[in-house]
Amino acid sequence: MKQNETWWKESVVYQIYPRSFNDSNNDGIGDLNGIREKLDYLADLGVDVIWLSPIYQSPNADNGYDIADYEQIMDEFGTMEDFDNLLKEAHEKGIRIVMDLVVNHTSDEHAWFVESRKSRENPYHDYYIWKDGTPDQAPNNWGSAFSGSAWKYDKDLGQWYLHLFAEKQPDLNWENEKVRHEVYDMMTRWFEKGIDGFRMDVINLISKDQSYPDAKVHGGIYGNSMEYCCNGPRVHEFLQEMNKEVLSKYDIVTVGEAPGVTVEEAKKYAGNDGRELNMVFQFEMMDIDHGPYGKWTPVPFDLKAMKANFNKWQKGLDGTAWNSLYWDNHDQPRIVSRWGNDSDEYRDKSAKMLALCLHMHQGTPYVYQGEELGMTNVHFDSIEDYRDIEILNAYKELVLEAKVLSKAEFMKGVHTLSRDNARTPMQWDDTENAGFSKTDPWIKVNPDYTKINAARQIDDPDSVFSFYKKLIRLRHENRIIPYGSYEQYDPENENTYLFSRSYEGKKLIVMCNFTDKEQRIDLPETLYEDGYYVLISNDMEKPLEKSMQLSPYEGIVYIL
């Protein structure tokens, strides 16, 4: 199917978690000038866009996703002049900058909320979601995504405010037109500064069911608030208003983080009509290894479930909307440890196979810092070594209070699926602290940095870094890679993944072995024909045959 071709569909986005990327002033915290120092590295890799996790002024209850001022830079990260220099230098190297937009909630230290809680008559009171109630009875049973109730009582006002995340992250009241226009005006000022887009944090939660009913309790203590907040009644109206007021006026890219989004909803958010956003992040695939208590009780990887999810979204959005493609981000563990094999024997090979697999789908791929090196999960023994509020709150609730998990069970979940796996410092070289900083970093470095680091890989043609570099170049050179239609074969196979892509008379065949054993793939008659040659492989190149033997973690792509 012919696609609407545009630059952001052909781009590769690189996500930077600034706190952990590169520390230029040796205070243990990454910063904007540290990013500037590494722009040549990113240009060499070939990425088109940098997405910066939040860099705004924040008390850091949730590592910057609790914003106290949308138009000031966090002191630890530098100054607005540093940001302007980063933007200018990135643009000079042909790299665009996308900012994180967090407007479902602010920090409780934001000026609006400080005013909001002064009195019920304050003009800012209605900027947030306040409900009457007694000190011992919250307005409903909703739970926070970070454990505990989603409501916090303010004794001076005799009211509760809603916080779907940490209690220092009160939710904005998007029903209030003034709030919406404050947000649009702020966005406009950033676009006038020259930024190239926004990644929008939990943007599909901004419209709540205004009756605020109790939610179902699924085995936990609190009701699932997402049932009445995800894809709420006015969310598309709000985003169409945002598009009309702001987004449509600039040549930018937007991606909305959308937990609980369905294919049908995604067609509205990211439809080709361009009325709302360019694409969304969906999480269905990221939940396939979650157990009874979510990420804290992981279950084995299910390749069939992963393939079914790819099939659903690749087919579902083809020609009508646009996919985002990701394995890793600041909220997910390292993919090579999660669904690959991080042993010394297979780490590099499985990291390459996973990269090849993801990047050969239709959509815009996102690379998270260190993914291009095959960085792995970290196994800190002590809970004290972790920094993530989600981990610490869940430990308190599930281990210390409810006692539904033992400490050992909980730590297994932390080691497998927690967010701090992605937040350890970027591994630049084998010097102290992995070259990230000359002082102790805010979170410990993964001890494997002496084996896995950028300095070892940049000039090695067989490295994971060089493989990512080739994948990115191939995407730029072959329109079939971003745009081609998708077809999957042998969906019941639990070990291998076989799919094809077609566009403007070109064809791709993609084969991936997700196991540490040799596997056979038999090509359907409809797929096999003469003339295919290898486009990219993580093993010895070999001609296409009707029956193929794939070595452990082999990934290979043929093009016709």
Protein backbone atom coordinates (compact mmCIF):
# COMPACT_ATOMS: atom_id res chain seq x y z
CA MET A 1 0.00 0.00 0.00
CA LYS A 2 1.32 3.44 -0.94
CA GLN A 3 2.20 5.48 2.13
CA ASN A 4 2.26 9.20 2.79
CA GLU A 5 6.04 9.58 2.75
CA THR A 6 7.60 12.05 5.17
CA TRP A 7 10.88 12.62 7.01
CA TRP A 8 9.78 11.39 10.44
CA LYS A 9 8.68 8.03 9.01
CA GLU A 10 12.16 7.51 7.55
CA SER A 11 13.99 8.66 10.69
CA VAL A 12 15.58 6.80 13.58
CA VAL A 13 15.07 8.41 16.99
CA TYR A 14 17.68 8.12 19.76
CA GLN A 15 16.40 8.56 23.30
CA ILE A 16 18.67 10.22 25.84
CA TYR A 17 18.05 9.99 29.57
CA PRO A 18 20.14 13.06 30.40
CA ARG A 19 20.84 12.17 34.04
CA SER A 20 22.65 9.00 32.90
CA PHE A 21 24.17 9.95 29.54
CA ASN A 22 27.34 11.99 30.07
CA ASP A 23 28.50 14.15 32.96
CA SER A 24 30.55 17.15 31.76
CA ASN A 25 31.10 18.88 35.12
CA ASN A 26 31.80 15.80 37.26
CA ASP A 27 29.02 16.16 39.79
CA GLY A 28 27.82 12.59 39.17
CA ILE A 29 24.81 13.67 37.10
CA GLY A 30 24.63 13.82 33.30
CA ASP A 31 23.91 17.21 31.76
CA LEU A 32 23.25 19.16 28.56
CA ASN A 33 26.89 19.96 27.90
CA GLY A 34 27.62 16.27 28.33
CA ILE A 35 25.19 15.57 25.49
CA ARG A 36 26.87 18.25 23.35
CA GLU A 37 30.20 16.47 23.87
CA LYS A 38 28.73 13.31 22.34
CA LEU A 39 26.95 14.77 19.30
CA ASP A 40 29.66 13.47 16.98
CA TYR A 41 29.11 9.97 18.38
CA LEU A 42 25.39 10.23 17.56
CA ALA A 43 26.09 11.67 14.10
CA ASP A 44 28.45 8.75 13.46
CA LEU A 45 25.74 6.30 14.53
CA GLY A 46 23.49 7.97 11.97
CA VAL A 47 20.43 8.85 14.03
CA ASP A 48 18.14 11.62 12.78
CA VAL A 49 16.39 12.73 15.96
CA ILE A 50 17.31 12.96 19.66
CA TRP A 51 14.47 12.62 22.14
CA LEU A 52 15.46 14.15 25.48
CA SER A 53 13.75 12.84 28.60
CA PRO A 54 12.65 15.82 30.73
CA ILE A 55 15.25 18.51 31.35
CA TYR A 56 12.92 21.05 33.01
CA GLN A 57 13.13 22.41 36.55
CA SER A 58 11.97 19.62 38.88
CA PRO A 59 12.32 18.39 42.46
CA ASN A 60 12.95 14.94 40.95
CA ALA A 61 10.36 12.89 42.80
CA ASP A 62 10.08 10.93 39.54
CA ASN A 63 13.39 11.84 37.87
CA GLY A 64 12.13 14.91 36.08
CA TYR A 65 8.66 13.68 35.15
CA ASP A 66 7.40 15.95 37.95
CA ILE A 67 7.85 19.41 36.43
CA ALA A 68 7.97 22.55 38.56
CA ASP A 69 8.62 24.94 35.66
CA TYR A 70 8.14 24.03 31.98
CA GLU A 71 10.34 26.89 30.79
CA GLN A 72 13.38 26.61 33.02
CA ILE A 73 16.20 24.06 32.75
CA MET A 74 16.90 21.81 35.75
CA ASP A 75 19.91 23.28 37.59
CA GLU A 76 21.70 19.91 37.56
CA PHE A 77 21.47 19.79 33.76
CA GLY A 78 22.70 23.31 33.01
CA THR A 79 21.18 26.52 31.73
CA MET A 80 18.88 27.64 28.94
CA GLU A 81 21.98 28.94 27.16
CA ASP A 82 23.39 25.39 27.31
CA PHE A 83 20.17 24.10 25.79
CA ASP A 84 20.24 26.72 23.02
CA ASN A 85 23.82 25.70 22.19
CA LEU A 86 22.85 22.02 22.14
CA LEU A 87 19.93 22.72 19.81
CA LYS A 88 22.10 24.82 17.48
CA GLU A 89 24.95 22.30 17.31
CA ALA A 90 22.60 19.35 16.82
CA HIS A 91 20.88 21.15 13.95
CA GLU A 92 24.27 21.92 12.38
CA LYS A 93 24.93 18.15 12.37
CA GLY A 94 21.53 17.40 10.82
CA ILE A 95 20.05 16.05 14.06
CA ARG A 96 16.65 17.21 15.27
CA ILE A 97 15.71 17.58 18.95
CA VAL A 98 12.44 16.32 20.43
CA MET A 99 11.49 17.31 23.97
CA ASP A 100 9.45 15.41 26.52
CA LEU A 101 6.03 16.98 27.19
CA VAL A 102 4.57 16.04 30.58
CA VAL A 103 1.15 17.66 30.85
CA ASN A 104 -1.08 15.03 32.45
CA HIS A 105 0.41 16.27 35.73
CA THR A 106 2.89 18.76 37.16
CA SER A 107 5.01 18.76 40.29
CA ASP A 108 3.29 19.82 43.51
CA GLU A 109 6.00 22.51 43.55
CA HIS A 110 4.76 24.06 40.30
CA ALA A 111 3.51 27.63 40.84
CA TRP A 112 0.03 26.63 39.64
CA PHE A 113 -0.32 23.95 42.29
CA VAL A 114 1.18 26.11 45.03
CA GLU A 115 -1.62 28.60 44.26
CA SER A 116 -4.18 25.84 43.76
CA ARG A 117 -3.90 24.59 47.33
CA LYS A 118 -4.06 28.04 48.99
CA SER A 119 -7.87 28.17 48.96
CA ARG A 120 -10.91 26.86 47.15
CA GLU A 121 -11.52 30.37 45.80
CA ASN A 122 -8.03 30.76 44.31
CA PRO A 123 -8.22 31.17 40.49
CA TYR A 124 -5.73 28.29 40.13
CA HIS A 125 -7.70 25.89 42.32
CA ASP A 126 -9.54 24.50 39.30
CA TYR A 127 -6.25 23.90 37.43
CA TYR A 128 -6.12 20.55 39.29
CA ILE A 129 -8.60 17.82 40.21
CA TRP A 130 -9.84 18.46 43.75
CA LYS A 131 -12.70 16.51 45.38
CA ASP A 132 -14.46 16.83 48.70
CA GLY A 133 -14.18 14.05 51.24
CA THR A 134 -13.40 13.21 54.83
CA PRO A 135 -9.80 12.57 55.98
CA ASP A 136 -10.45 8.82 56.21
CA GLN A 137 -12.43 8.38 52.98
CA ALA A 138 -10.89 9.11 49.54
CA PRO A 139 -13.27 10.17 46.73
CA ASN A 140 -12.98 6.70 45.17
CA ASN A 141 -10.84 3.55 45.31
CA TRP A 142 -8.42 4.41 42.52
CA GLY A 143 -4.82 3.32 42.92
CA SER A 144 -1.70 5.18 41.84
CA ALA A 145 0.57 3.70 39.17
CA PHE A 146 3.33 4.02 41.78
CA SER A 147 1.45 2.06 44.49
CA GLY A 148 -0.92 3.36 47.15
CA SER A 149 -4.01 5.51 46.67
CA ALA A 150 -4.30 7.91 43.72
CA TRP A 151 -5.67 10.56 46.13
CA LYS A 152 -3.89 12.77 48.67
CA TYR A 153 -5.75 14.61 51.41
CA ASP A 154 -5.08 18.28 52.13
CA LYS A 155 -6.26 19.02 55.66
CA ASP A 156 -6.22 22.82 55.21
CA LEU A 157 -8.65 22.64 52.29
CA GLY A 158 -10.57 19.59 53.49
CA GLN A 159 -10.22 18.18 49.98
CA TRP A 160 -8.37 15.44 48.11
CA TYR A 161 -6.34 15.94 44.92
CA LEU A 162 -5.84 13.27 42.26
CA HIS A 163 -2.36 11.97 41.44
CA LEU A 164 -2.35 9.00 39.07
CA PHE A 165 1.41 8.76 39.69
CA ALA A 166 3.45 9.93 42.72
CA GLU A 167 1.75 12.11 45.32
CA LYS A 168 4.11 14.91 44.27
CA GLN A 169 2.59 14.68 40.75
CA PRO A 170 -0.92 16.18 40.94
CA ASP A 171 -3.02 15.69 37.79
CA LEU A 172 -3.97 18.76 35.77
CA ASN A 173 -7.66 19.43 35.13
CA TRP A 174 -7.91 19.36 31.33
CA GLU A 175 -11.64 20.11 31.56
CA ASN A 176 -10.55 23.67 32.40
CA GLU A 177 -10.04 25.56 29.14
CA LYS A 178 -7.51 27.91 30.80
CA VAL A 179 -5.27 24.93 31.63
CA ARG A 180 -5.35 23.74 28.02
CA HIS A 181 -4.41 27.13 26.65
CA GLU A 182 -1.62 27.59 29.20
CA VAL A 183 -0.20 24.30 27.89
CA TYR A 184 -0.63 25.28 24.21
CA ASP A 185 1.06 28.65 24.79
CA MET A 186 4.00 26.94 26.52
CA MET A 187 4.34 24.46 23.64
CA THR A 188 4.28 27.30 21.13
CA ARG A 189 7.13 29.08 22.90
CA TRP A 190 9.27 25.92 22.68
CA PHE A 191 8.50 25.53 18.97
CA GLU A 192 9.39 29.17 18.37
CA LYS A 193 12.73 28.41 20.03
CA GLY A 194 13.29 25.84 17.28
CA ILE A 195 12.67 22.40 18.78
CA ASP A 196 11.48 19.69 16.40
CA GLY A 197 8.71 17.93 18.27
CA PHE A 198 7.37 16.44 21.47
CA ARG A 199 7.18 12.97 22.97
CA MET A 200 4.05 13.27 25.11
CA ASP A 201 4.08 11.48 28.45
CA VAL A 202 0.91 9.43 29.23
CA ILE A 203 -1.01 11.77 26.94
CA ASN A 204 -4.02 9.47 26.66
CA LEU A 205 -4.76 9.91 30.39
CA ILE A 206 -5.60 13.63 30.22
CA SER A 207 -9.38 13.09 29.97
CA LYS A 208 -10.95 11.41 33.00
CA ASP A 209 -14.46 9.99 33.39
CA GLN A 210 -16.06 12.93 35.19
CA SER A 211 -18.25 10.74 37.39
CA TYR A 212 -15.08 9.35 39.06
CA PRO A 213 -16.60 5.92 39.86
CA ASP A 214 -14.92 3.19 41.87
CA ALA A 215 -12.83 0.88 39.66
CA LYS A 216 -12.46 -2.89 39.66
CA VAL A 217 -9.85 -4.30 42.03
CA HIS A 218 -7.78 -6.91 40.21
CA GLY A 219 -6.25 -8.86 43.09
CA GLY A 220 -4.49 -5.83 44.57
CA ILE A 221 -5.53 -3.31 47.20
CA TYR A 222 -6.81 -0.46 45.01
CA GLY A 223 -9.06 -0.10 41.98
CA ASN A 224 -7.54 0.15 38.49
CA SER A 225 -7.80 3.88 37.77
CA MET A 226 -6.76 3.33 34.15
CA GLU A 227 -10.22 1.94 33.36
CA TYR A 228 -11.61 5.47 33.74
CA CYS A 229 -8.61 7.51 32.55
CA CYS A 230 -7.11 5.71 29.52
CA ASN A 231 -8.52 7.03 26.25
CA GLY A 232 -11.07 9.08 28.18
CA PRO A 233 -14.24 10.70 26.86
CA ARG A 234 -12.70 13.97 25.58
CA VAL A 235 -9.10 12.95 24.83
CA HIS A 236 -9.47 13.13 21.02
CA GLU A 237 -11.25 16.47 21.28
CA PHE A 238 -8.40 17.84 23.40
CA LEU A 239 -5.68 16.55 21.04
CA GLN A 240 -7.47 17.86 17.95
CA GLU A 241 -7.66 21.25 19.67
CA MET A 242 -3.91 21.03 20.49
CA ASN A 243 -3.17 20.11 16.88
CA LYS A 244 -5.24 23.01 15.53
CA GLU A 245 -3.83 25.55 17.98
CA VAL A 246 -0.17 24.45 17.89
CA LEU A 247 1.06 21.29 16.19
CA SER A 248 -0.30 21.92 12.70
CA LYS A 249 1.67 25.17 12.47
CA TYR A 250 5.13 23.54 12.54
CA ASP A 251 7.09 20.87 10.66
CA ILE A 252 7.58 18.65 13.68
CA VAL A 253 7.14 15.09 14.92
CA THR A 254 4.90 13.98 17.78
CA VAL A 255 4.62 10.66 19.57
CA GLY A 256 2.15 10.01 22.36
CA GLU A 257 2.82 7.57 25.17
CA ALA A 258 -0.52 5.76 25.39
CA PRO A 259 -0.85 2.95 27.95
CA GLY A 260 -3.90 0.80 27.31
CA VAL A 261 -4.29 2.01 23.73
CA THR A 262 -6.00 -0.29 21.20
CA VAL A 263 -5.41 -0.49 17.45
CA GLU A 264 -8.73 1.28 16.84
CA GLU A 265 -7.85 4.08 19.26
CA ALA A 266 -4.35 4.37 17.75
CA LYS A 267 -5.93 5.00 14.34
CA LYS A 268 -7.56 8.08 15.87
CA TYR A 269 -4.45 9.31 17.68
CA ALA A 270 -2.00 8.65 14.83
CA GLY A 271 -4.22 8.56 11.76
CA ASN A 272 -3.01 9.61 8.33
CA ASP A 273 -5.50 12.49 8.43
CA GLY A 274 -3.00 14.26 10.71
CA ARG A 275 -5.64 15.64 13.05
CA GLU A 276 -3.90 14.61 16.29
CA LEU A 277 -0.42 13.02 16.64
CA ASN A 278 2.04 11.28 14.29
CA MET A 279 2.35 8.01 16.26
CA VAL A 280 1.82 6.47 19.68
CA PHE A 281 3.76 4.17 21.98
CA GLN A 282 1.65 1.10 22.81
CA PHE A 283 2.52 -1.21 25.70
CA GLU A 284 0.74 -4.47 24.93
CA MET A 285 3.97 -6.13 23.84
CA MET A 286 5.83 -4.85 26.89
CA ASP A 287 3.35 -6.62 29.17
CA ILE A 288 3.67 -10.14 27.74
CA ASP A 289 6.21 -11.21 30.37
CA HIS A 290 4.35 -9.61 33.30
CA GLY A 291 2.91 -11.96 35.92
CA PRO A 292 0.21 -11.70 38.62
CA TYR A 293 1.88 -8.65 40.24
CA GLY A 294 2.99 -7.14 36.95
CA LYS A 295 6.70 -6.60 36.42
CA TRP A 296 7.48 -7.70 39.98
CA THR A 297 6.51 -11.30 39.12
CA PRO A 298 7.95 -11.91 35.63
CA VAL A 299 6.92 -14.89 33.52
CA PRO A 300 8.95 -16.52 30.71
CA PHE A 301 9.15 -14.77 27.33
CA ASP A 302 6.51 -15.95 24.85
CA LEU A 303 7.65 -15.50 21.23
CA LYS A 304 4.21 -16.48 19.89
CA ALA A 305 2.63 -13.66 21.91
CA MET A 306 5.23 -11.20 20.64
CA LYS A 307 4.63 -12.24 17.02
CA ALA A 308 0.86 -12.02 17.44
CA ASN A 309 1.25 -8.49 18.76
CA PHE A 310 3.48 -7.43 15.86
CA ASN A 311 0.97 -8.93 13.42
CA LYS A 312 -1.94 -7.11 15.05
CA TRP A 313 -0.27 -3.69 14.97
CA GLN A 314 1.59 -3.99 11.66
CA LYS A 315 -1.57 -5.09 9.85
CA GLY A 316 -3.88 -2.90 11.89
CA LEU A 317 -2.18 0.42 11.16
CA ASP A 318 -0.86 -0.26 7.62
CA GLY A 319 -2.06 2.52 5.35
CA THR A 320 -4.21 4.21 8.00
CA ALA A 321 -1.84 5.23 10.82
CA TRP A 322 1.80 4.93 11.86
CA ASN A 323 3.68 2.59 14.21
CA SER A 324 6.46 3.41 16.64
CA LEU A 325 9.00 0.62 17.15
CA TYR A 326 10.94 0.15 20.37
CA TRP A 327 12.48 -2.49 22.60
CA ASP A 328 14.13 -0.28 25.21
CA ASN A 329 13.40 3.04 26.86
CA HIS A 330 13.81 4.70 30.26
CA ASP A 331 10.84 2.68 31.59
CA GLN A 332 11.86 -0.74 30.23
CA PRO A 333 14.70 -3.16 31.08
CA ARG A 334 17.50 -3.92 28.62
CA ILE A 335 16.19 -6.01 25.72
CA VAL A 336 19.29 -8.20 25.36
CA SER A 337 18.79 -9.39 28.96
CA ARG A 338 15.03 -9.55 28.62
CA TRP A 339 14.31 -11.39 25.33
CA GLY A 340 17.83 -12.08 24.09
CA ASN A 341 20.76 -13.77 25.82
CA ASP A 342 23.22 -11.65 27.80
CA SER A 343 25.79 -14.41 28.32
CA ASP A 344 29.29 -13.68 27.01
CA GLU A 345 28.73 -16.29 24.28
CA TYR A 346 25.53 -14.87 22.81
CA ARG A 347 25.16 -11.28 24.02
CA ASP A 348 26.43 -9.50 20.91
CA LYS A 349 24.78 -11.90 18.49
CA SER A 350 21.37 -11.81 20.17
CA ALA A 351 21.57 -8.01 20.51
CA LYS A 352 22.12 -7.78 16.75
CA MET A 353 19.28 -10.21 16.01
CA LEU A 354 16.88 -8.20 18.17
CA ALA A 355 17.95 -4.96 16.47
CA LEU A 356 17.50 -6.47 13.01
CA CYS A 357 14.11 -7.87 13.97
CA LEU A 358 12.73 -4.59 15.27
CA HIS A 359 14.14 -2.29 12.59
CA MET A 360 12.71 -4.40 9.75
CA HIS A 361 9.12 -3.60 10.75
CA GLN A 362 6.96 -0.79 9.42
CA GLY A 363 7.22 2.29 11.63
CA THR A 364 9.71 4.69 13.19
CA PRO A 365 12.35 2.93 15.36
CA TYR A 366 13.56 4.29 18.68
CA VAL A 367 17.02 3.43 20.03
CA TYR A 368 17.57 3.97 23.75
CA GLN A 369 21.02 5.05 24.92
CA GLY A 370 23.32 2.05 25.26
CA GLU A 371 21.01 -0.26 23.31
CA GLU A 372 23.35 0.24 20.35
CA LEU A 373 26.14 -1.23 22.50
CA GLY A 374 24.17 -4.22 23.82
CA MET A 375 24.07 -2.83 27.36
CA THR A 376 22.54 -5.29 29.84
CA ASN A 377 20.37 -5.36 32.95
CA VAL A 378 22.09 -4.69 36.26
CA HIS A 379 21.90 -6.97 39.32
CA PHE A 380 22.35 -4.84 42.41
CA ASP A 381 22.06 -7.04 45.50
CA SER A 382 20.72 -4.35 47.80
CA ILE A 383 17.42 -2.47 47.44
CA GLU A 384 19.39 0.56 48.74
CA ASP A 385 21.28 0.69 45.43
CA TYR A 386 18.08 1.40 43.49
CA ARG A 387 16.78 4.92 42.94
CA ASP A 388 13.45 4.50 41.12
CA ILE A 389 10.38 5.59 43.09
CA GLU A 390 8.36 2.83 41.40
CA ILE A 391 10.70 0.13 42.77
CA LEU A 392 10.91 1.62 46.26
CA ASN A 393 7.13 2.13 46.59
CA ALA A 394 6.34 -1.36 45.29
CA TYR A 395 8.88 -2.89 47.70
CA LYS A 396 7.22 -1.10 50.60
CA GLU A 397 3.72 -2.14 49.53
CA LEU A 398 4.25 -5.73 48.33
CA VAL A 399 7.09 -6.92 50.59
CA LEU A 400 6.98 -4.87 53.80
CA GLU A 401 3.25 -4.11 54.16
CA ALA A 402 1.05 -6.62 52.27
CA LYS A 403 3.77 -9.32 52.47
CA VAL A 404 2.50 -10.95 49.25
CA LEU A 405 6.07 -11.33 47.92
CA SER A 406 9.28 -12.28 49.70
CA LYS A 407 12.28 -10.00 49.31
CA ALA A 408 13.98 -12.63 47.10
CA GLU A 409 10.91 -12.90 44.83
CA PHE A 410 10.66 -9.14 44.57
CA MET A 411 14.36 -8.68 43.79
CA LYS A 412 14.05 -11.22 40.96
CA GLY A 413 11.42 -8.94 39.42
CA VAL A 414 13.64 -5.89 39.98
CA HIS A 415 16.60 -7.60 38.28
CA THR A 416 14.44 -8.74 35.35
CA LEU A 417 12.01 -5.94 34.52
CA SER A 418 12.56 -2.81 36.63
CA ARG A 419 13.19 0.66 35.19
CA ASP A 420 16.57 1.22 36.85
CA ASN A 421 18.00 -1.44 34.52
CA ALA A 422 17.85 1.26 31.84
CA ARG A 423 19.02 4.10 34.04
CA THR A 424 22.54 3.04 34.98
CA PRO A 425 25.17 5.35 33.43
CA MET A 426 26.01 5.11 29.74
CA GLN A 427 29.14 3.01 29.25
CA TRP A 428 31.61 5.09 27.26
CA ASP A 429 34.90 3.32 28.02
CA ASP A 430 36.64 1.05 30.55
CA THR A 431 37.96 3.82 32.80
CA GLU A 432 36.49 4.52 36.23
CA ASN A 433 32.68 4.95 36.20
CA ALA A 434 32.65 3.83 32.56
CA GLY A 435 33.86 7.27 31.45
CA PHE A 436 30.49 8.74 32.47
CA SER A 437 31.90 10.87 35.28
CA LYS A 438 35.06 11.34 37.32
CA THR A 439 33.01 11.18 40.52
CA ASP A 440 30.55 8.66 41.95
CA PRO A 441 27.42 8.76 39.78
CA TRP A 442 23.88 9.27 41.08
CA ILE A 443 23.24 5.55 40.50
CA LYS A 444 25.93 2.87 40.32
CA VAL A 445 27.47 1.82 37.01
CA ASN A 446 26.78 -1.67 35.70
CA PRO A 447 29.96 -3.66 36.57
CA ASP A 448 30.12 -5.13 33.03
CA TYR A 449 31.24 -1.75 31.60
CA THR A 450 34.81 -3.04 31.18
CA LYS A 451 33.50 -5.48 28.54
CA ILE A 452 30.62 -3.44 27.09
CA ASN A 453 31.49 0.14 26.19
CA ALA A 454 31.49 2.51 23.24
CA ALA A 455 35.28 2.85 22.98
CA ARG A 456 35.63 -0.88 22.30
CA GLN A 457 32.94 -0.89 19.64
CA ILE A 458 33.12 2.28 17.55
CA ASP A 459 35.95 1.11 15.28
CA ASP A 460 35.09 -2.61 15.38
CA PRO A 461 33.21 -3.59 12.19
CA ASP A 462 31.73 -6.64 13.97
CA SER A 463 30.44 -4.76 17.01
CA VAL A 464 26.83 -4.20 18.02
CA PHE A 465 27.40 -0.47 17.44
CA SER A 466 28.53 -1.07 13.84
CA PHE A 467 25.51 -3.32 13.28
CA TYR A 468 23.12 -0.58 14.44
CA LYS A 469 24.97 1.89 12.23
CA LYS A 470 24.39 -0.37 9.21
CA LEU A 471 20.71 -0.89 10.07
CA ILE A 472 20.17 2.87 10.26
CA ARG A 473 21.96 3.45 6.95
CA LEU A 474 19.87 0.74 5.24
CA ARG A 475 16.66 2.41 6.44
CA HIS A 476 17.77 5.67 4.87
CA GLU A 477 18.65 3.93 1.60
CA ASN A 478 15.67 1.58 1.17
CA ARG A 479 12.12 2.96 1.29
CA ILE A 480 10.74 -0.56 1.67
CA ILE A 481 12.12 -0.68 5.24
CA PRO A 482 10.03 2.16 6.67
CA TYR A 483 7.04 1.80 4.34
CA GLY A 484 6.64 -1.80 3.18
CA SER A 485 3.51 -3.79 4.00
CA TYR A 486 3.94 -6.71 6.37
CA GLU A 487 3.11 -10.41 6.14
CA GLN A 488 3.85 -12.99 8.86
CA TYR A 489 4.36 -16.76 8.41
CA ASP A 490 4.29 -19.74 10.79
CA PRO A 491 2.75 -17.81 13.72
CA GLU A 492 2.63 -20.93 15.95
CA ASN A 493 6.40 -21.46 15.85
CA GLU A 494 7.76 -20.87 19.36
CA ASN A 495 11.41 -20.50 18.30
CA THR A 496 11.64 -18.53 15.05
CA TYR A 497 10.07 -15.45 13.50
CA LEU A 498 9.55 -15.22 9.73
CA PHE A 499 7.98 -12.24 7.97
CA SER A 500 8.11 -10.38 4.69
CA ARG A 501 7.74 -6.76 3.58
CA SER A 502 6.55 -5.47 0.18
CA TYR A 503 6.68 -1.99 -1.35
CA GLU A 504 6.70 -0.64 -4.89
CA GLY A 505 7.77 -3.96 -6.44
CA LYS A 506 10.48 -4.66 -3.83
CA LYS A 507 10.36 -7.51 -1.30
CA LEU A 508 12.14 -8.34 1.96
CA ILE A 509 12.28 -11.64 3.79
CA VAL A 510 13.25 -11.46 7.48
CA MET A 511 14.22 -14.52 9.55
CA CYS A 512 15.11 -14.52 13.24
CA ASN A 513 16.04 -17.34 15.62
CA PHE A 514 15.14 -16.44 19.20
CA THR A 515 16.86 -19.46 20.76
CA ASP A 516 20.34 -20.75 21.62
CA LYS A 517 19.76 -23.84 19.43
CA GLU A 518 19.95 -24.29 15.66
CA GLN A 519 16.49 -23.96 14.08
CA ARG A 520 15.04 -24.81 10.68
CA ILE A 521 12.78 -22.50 8.69
CA ASP A 522 10.80 -23.83 5.73
CA LEU A 523 9.73 -21.07 3.37
CA PRO A 524 6.18 -21.15 2.02
CA GLU A 525 5.93 -21.68 -1.77
CA THR A 526 4.38 -18.23 -2.11
CA LEU A 527 7.46 -16.60 -0.59
CA TYR A 528 10.36 -18.40 -2.21
CA GLU A 529 11.70 -17.25 -5.59
CA ASP A 530 15.04 -16.72 -7.30
CA GLY A 531 16.88 -13.42 -7.17
CA TYR A 532 16.99 -12.65 -3.46
CA TYR A 533 20.31 -11.52 -1.98
CA VAL A 534 21.41 -10.79 1.59
CA LEU A 535 20.75 -7.24 2.76
CA ILE A 536 22.07 -7.69 6.32
CA SER A 537 22.97 -10.61 8.58
CA ASN A 538 24.52 -11.17 12.01
CA ASP A 539 26.20 -14.40 10.86
CA MET A 540 27.80 -15.84 7.73
CA GLU A 541 25.93 -14.77 4.61
CA LYS A 542 24.23 -17.62 2.73
CA PRO A 543 21.93 -17.91 -0.26
CA LEU A 544 18.17 -18.11 0.21
CA GLU A 545 16.87 -21.68 0.03
CA LYS A 546 13.45 -23.28 0.47
CA SER A 547 14.63 -24.79 3.75
CA MET A 548 17.01 -22.73 5.90
CA GLN A 549 19.09 -23.69 8.94
CA LEU A 550 19.51 -20.77 11.33
CA SER A 551 22.32 -20.81 13.90
CA PRO A 552 21.58 -19.72 17.51
CA TYR A 553 20.25 -16.13 17.59
CA GLU A 554 20.81 -15.72 13.87
CA GLY A 555 19.01 -12.91 12.09
CA ILE A 556 19.12 -12.46 8.33
CA VAL A 557 17.32 -10.27 5.80
CA TYR A 558 17.01 -10.95 2.05
CA ILE A 559 15.92 -8.38 -0.52
CA LEU A 560 14.55 -8.84 -4.02
